[in-house]
N, C-alpha and C. Protein backbone atom coordinates (compact mmCIF):
# COMPACT_ATOMS: atom_id res chain seq x y z
N MET A 1 10.28 8.23 0.56
CA MET A 1 10.17 7.52 1.82
C MET A 1 11.03 6.26 1.76
N GLU A 2 11.59 5.94 2.90
CA GLU A 2 12.39 4.73 3.01
C GLU A 2 11.71 3.83 4.03
N TYR A 3 11.32 2.63 3.60
CA TYR A 3 10.59 1.68 4.44
C TYR A 3 11.53 0.61 4.97
N LEU A 4 11.09 -0.10 6.02
CA LEU A 4 11.86 -1.24 6.51
C LEU A 4 12.01 -2.29 5.42
N LEU A 5 10.94 -2.46 4.64
CA LEU A 5 10.94 -3.42 3.54
C LEU A 5 11.37 -2.72 2.26
N PRO A 6 12.04 -3.43 1.36
CA PRO A 6 12.35 -2.83 0.06
C PRO A 6 11.06 -2.44 -0.66
N GLY A 7 11.12 -1.43 -1.51
CA GLY A 7 9.94 -0.89 -2.18
C GLY A 7 9.07 -1.91 -2.89
N LYS A 8 9.68 -2.79 -3.67
CA LYS A 8 8.89 -3.79 -4.40
C LYS A 8 8.25 -4.79 -3.45
N ALA A 9 8.97 -5.19 -2.41
CA ALA A 9 8.42 -6.13 -1.43
C ALA A 9 7.26 -5.47 -0.68
N TYR A 10 7.43 -4.20 -0.32
CA TYR A 10 6.37 -3.45 0.37
C TYR A 10 5.11 -3.40 -0.49
N GLN A 11 5.26 -3.03 -1.75
CA GLN A 11 4.11 -2.93 -2.64
C GLN A 11 3.44 -4.29 -2.85
N ALA A 12 4.24 -5.34 -3.01
CA ALA A 12 3.69 -6.69 -3.21
C ALA A 12 2.94 -7.16 -1.97
N LEU A 13 3.54 -6.99 -0.79
CA LEU A 13 2.89 -7.40 0.44
C LEU A 13 1.63 -6.59 0.71
N LYS A 14 1.68 -5.31 0.38
CA LYS A 14 0.50 -4.46 0.55
C LYS A 14 -0.65 -4.97 -0.31
N TRP A 15 -0.35 -5.30 -1.55
CA TRP A 15 -1.38 -5.80 -2.47
C TRP A 15 -1.92 -7.15 -1.99
N VAL A 16 -1.01 -8.04 -1.59
CA VAL A 16 -1.43 -9.37 -1.12
C VAL A 16 -2.23 -9.25 0.17
N GLY A 17 -1.73 -8.46 1.12
CA GLY A 17 -2.37 -8.37 2.43
C GLY A 17 -3.67 -7.61 2.45
N LEU A 18 -3.79 -6.60 1.60
CA LEU A 18 -4.99 -5.75 1.64
C LEU A 18 -6.03 -6.11 0.59
N ILE A 19 -5.65 -6.85 -0.45
CA ILE A 19 -6.61 -7.18 -1.51
C ILE A 19 -6.74 -8.69 -1.71
N VAL A 20 -5.63 -9.35 -1.97
CA VAL A 20 -5.69 -10.76 -2.38
C VAL A 20 -6.20 -11.67 -1.26
N LEU A 21 -5.57 -11.62 -0.09
CA LEU A 21 -5.95 -12.56 0.97
C LEU A 21 -7.37 -12.35 1.50
N PRO A 22 -7.81 -11.11 1.74
CA PRO A 22 -9.22 -10.96 2.15
C PRO A 22 -10.20 -11.44 1.07
N ALA A 23 -9.89 -11.14 -0.19
CA ALA A 23 -10.77 -11.61 -1.27
C ALA A 23 -10.76 -13.13 -1.37
N LEU A 24 -9.59 -13.74 -1.19
CA LEU A 24 -9.49 -15.20 -1.23
C LEU A 24 -10.28 -15.84 -0.09
N ALA A 25 -10.17 -15.27 1.11
CA ALA A 25 -10.92 -15.81 2.26
C ALA A 25 -12.42 -15.75 2.00
N THR A 26 -12.88 -14.64 1.43
CA THR A 26 -14.30 -14.49 1.12
C THR A 26 -14.74 -15.49 0.06
N LEU A 27 -13.92 -15.63 -0.99
CA LEU A 27 -14.24 -16.59 -2.05
C LEU A 27 -14.30 -18.01 -1.51
N LEU A 28 -13.30 -18.39 -0.73
CA LEU A 28 -13.29 -19.75 -0.17
C LEU A 28 -14.48 -19.99 0.75
N GLY A 29 -14.82 -18.99 1.56
CA GLY A 29 -15.97 -19.14 2.45
C GLY A 29 -17.27 -19.32 1.70
N ALA A 30 -17.45 -18.57 0.63
CA ALA A 30 -18.69 -18.65 -0.14
C ALA A 30 -18.77 -19.93 -0.97
N VAL A 31 -17.72 -20.20 -1.72
CA VAL A 31 -17.73 -21.37 -2.61
C VAL A 31 -17.65 -22.66 -1.78
N GLY A 32 -16.82 -22.64 -0.75
CA GLY A 32 -16.68 -23.84 0.09
C GLY A 32 -17.96 -24.22 0.78
N THR A 33 -18.72 -23.23 1.20
CA THR A 33 -20.01 -23.50 1.83
C THR A 33 -20.97 -24.12 0.82
N ALA A 34 -21.00 -23.55 -0.38
CA ALA A 34 -21.91 -24.06 -1.42
C ALA A 34 -21.58 -25.50 -1.81
N TRP A 35 -20.30 -25.85 -1.78
CA TRP A 35 -19.87 -27.18 -2.19
C TRP A 35 -19.67 -28.14 -1.02
N GLY A 36 -19.82 -27.65 0.18
CA GLY A 36 -19.70 -28.52 1.36
C GLY A 36 -18.28 -29.00 1.60
N TRP A 37 -17.30 -28.14 1.35
CA TRP A 37 -15.90 -28.53 1.54
C TRP A 37 -15.61 -28.79 3.02
N PRO A 38 -14.84 -29.84 3.30
CA PRO A 38 -14.48 -30.12 4.70
C PRO A 38 -13.42 -29.14 5.21
N HIS A 39 -13.39 -28.94 6.51
CA HIS A 39 -12.39 -28.10 7.18
C HIS A 39 -12.43 -26.65 6.70
N LEU A 40 -13.56 -26.20 6.20
CA LEU A 40 -13.67 -24.87 5.63
C LEU A 40 -13.39 -23.76 6.64
N THR A 41 -13.91 -23.91 7.84
CA THR A 41 -13.69 -22.88 8.85
C THR A 41 -12.21 -22.73 9.16
N ALA A 42 -11.50 -23.84 9.28
CA ALA A 42 -10.06 -23.78 9.55
C ALA A 42 -9.30 -23.14 8.39
N ILE A 43 -9.70 -23.44 7.17
CA ILE A 43 -9.03 -22.88 5.99
C ILE A 43 -9.24 -21.36 5.93
N VAL A 44 -10.49 -20.92 6.08
CA VAL A 44 -10.79 -19.49 6.01
C VAL A 44 -10.11 -18.75 7.16
N THR A 45 -10.12 -19.34 8.34
CA THR A 45 -9.45 -18.71 9.49
C THR A 45 -7.95 -18.57 9.24
N THR A 46 -7.34 -19.58 8.65
CA THR A 46 -5.91 -19.55 8.35
C THR A 46 -5.58 -18.46 7.34
N VAL A 47 -6.35 -18.39 6.27
CA VAL A 47 -6.11 -17.36 5.24
C VAL A 47 -6.30 -15.97 5.84
N THR A 48 -7.31 -15.80 6.67
CA THR A 48 -7.55 -14.51 7.31
C THR A 48 -6.41 -14.15 8.26
N ALA A 49 -5.92 -15.12 9.02
CA ALA A 49 -4.81 -14.87 9.94
C ALA A 49 -3.54 -14.47 9.18
N ILE A 50 -3.28 -15.12 8.06
CA ILE A 50 -2.12 -14.77 7.24
C ILE A 50 -2.27 -13.35 6.71
N GLY A 51 -3.48 -13.01 6.27
CA GLY A 51 -3.74 -11.65 5.79
C GLY A 51 -3.53 -10.61 6.87
N THR A 52 -3.94 -10.91 8.08
CA THR A 52 -3.74 -9.99 9.21
C THR A 52 -2.26 -9.83 9.51
N PHE A 53 -1.51 -10.92 9.47
CA PHE A 53 -0.07 -10.87 9.71
C PHE A 53 0.64 -10.03 8.65
N VAL A 54 0.30 -10.25 7.40
CA VAL A 54 0.90 -9.47 6.31
C VAL A 54 0.54 -7.99 6.46
N GLY A 55 -0.71 -7.71 6.81
CA GLY A 55 -1.12 -6.33 7.03
C GLY A 55 -0.35 -5.68 8.17
N ALA A 56 -0.06 -6.44 9.21
CA ALA A 56 0.73 -5.91 10.33
C ALA A 56 2.15 -5.58 9.89
N LEU A 57 2.74 -6.44 9.06
CA LEU A 57 4.08 -6.16 8.54
C LEU A 57 4.09 -4.89 7.70
N VAL A 58 3.10 -4.74 6.85
CA VAL A 58 3.00 -3.55 6.01
C VAL A 58 2.80 -2.32 6.89
N GLY A 59 1.93 -2.43 7.88
CA GLY A 59 1.67 -1.31 8.77
C GLY A 59 2.90 -0.90 9.57
N ALA A 60 3.66 -1.90 10.05
CA ALA A 60 4.89 -1.60 10.80
C ALA A 60 5.91 -0.92 9.90
N SER A 61 6.01 -1.38 8.67
CA SER A 61 6.95 -0.77 7.74
C SER A 61 6.54 0.66 7.43
N ASN A 62 5.25 0.87 7.25
CA ASN A 62 4.75 2.21 6.96
C ASN A 62 4.93 3.15 8.16
N ALA A 63 4.68 2.65 9.36
CA ALA A 63 4.80 3.47 10.56
C ALA A 63 6.25 3.90 10.82
N SER A 64 7.18 3.08 10.40
CA SER A 64 8.59 3.39 10.66
C SER A 64 9.28 4.02 9.45
N ALA A 65 8.51 4.36 8.43
CA ALA A 65 9.08 4.95 7.22
C ALA A 65 9.71 6.30 7.53
N THR A 66 10.80 6.55 6.87
CA THR A 66 11.48 7.84 7.03
C THR A 66 11.62 8.49 5.65
N PRO A 67 11.52 9.80 5.62
CA PRO A 67 11.75 10.49 4.35
C PRO A 67 13.18 10.20 3.86
N THR A 68 13.37 10.31 2.59
CA THR A 68 14.68 10.00 2.01
C THR A 68 15.80 10.80 2.67
N GLY A 69 15.51 11.97 3.20
CA GLY A 69 16.50 12.80 3.87
C GLY A 69 16.97 12.25 5.20
N GLY A 70 16.25 11.27 5.81
CA GLY A 70 16.66 10.65 7.03
C GLY A 70 15.83 11.00 8.26
N ALA A 71 14.96 12.03 8.20
CA ALA A 71 14.15 12.39 9.34
C ALA A 71 12.96 11.45 9.44
N LYS A 72 12.51 11.17 10.66
CA LYS A 72 11.37 10.27 10.87
C LYS A 72 10.08 10.93 10.41
N ALA A 73 9.25 10.14 9.70
CA ALA A 73 7.95 10.64 9.22
C ALA A 73 6.97 10.72 10.38
N GLU A 74 6.04 11.66 10.32
CA GLU A 74 5.03 11.80 11.37
C GLU A 74 3.73 11.23 10.91
């Protein structure tokens, strides 16, 4: 398959967007609440929004992937 993004970038963004950022948002929400960190809602919302954006990039790349032969994937 040939993606819009280079293979290594696709794999890295997929890992960051689908695993790292959601886990980070959850960790910050839990620990920040326990410690009373200021601006916690804004921080968690920002991390979640970045994760959604990265996921959209990965999804767009996957949706437009074509087999190495050049035909569009279904």
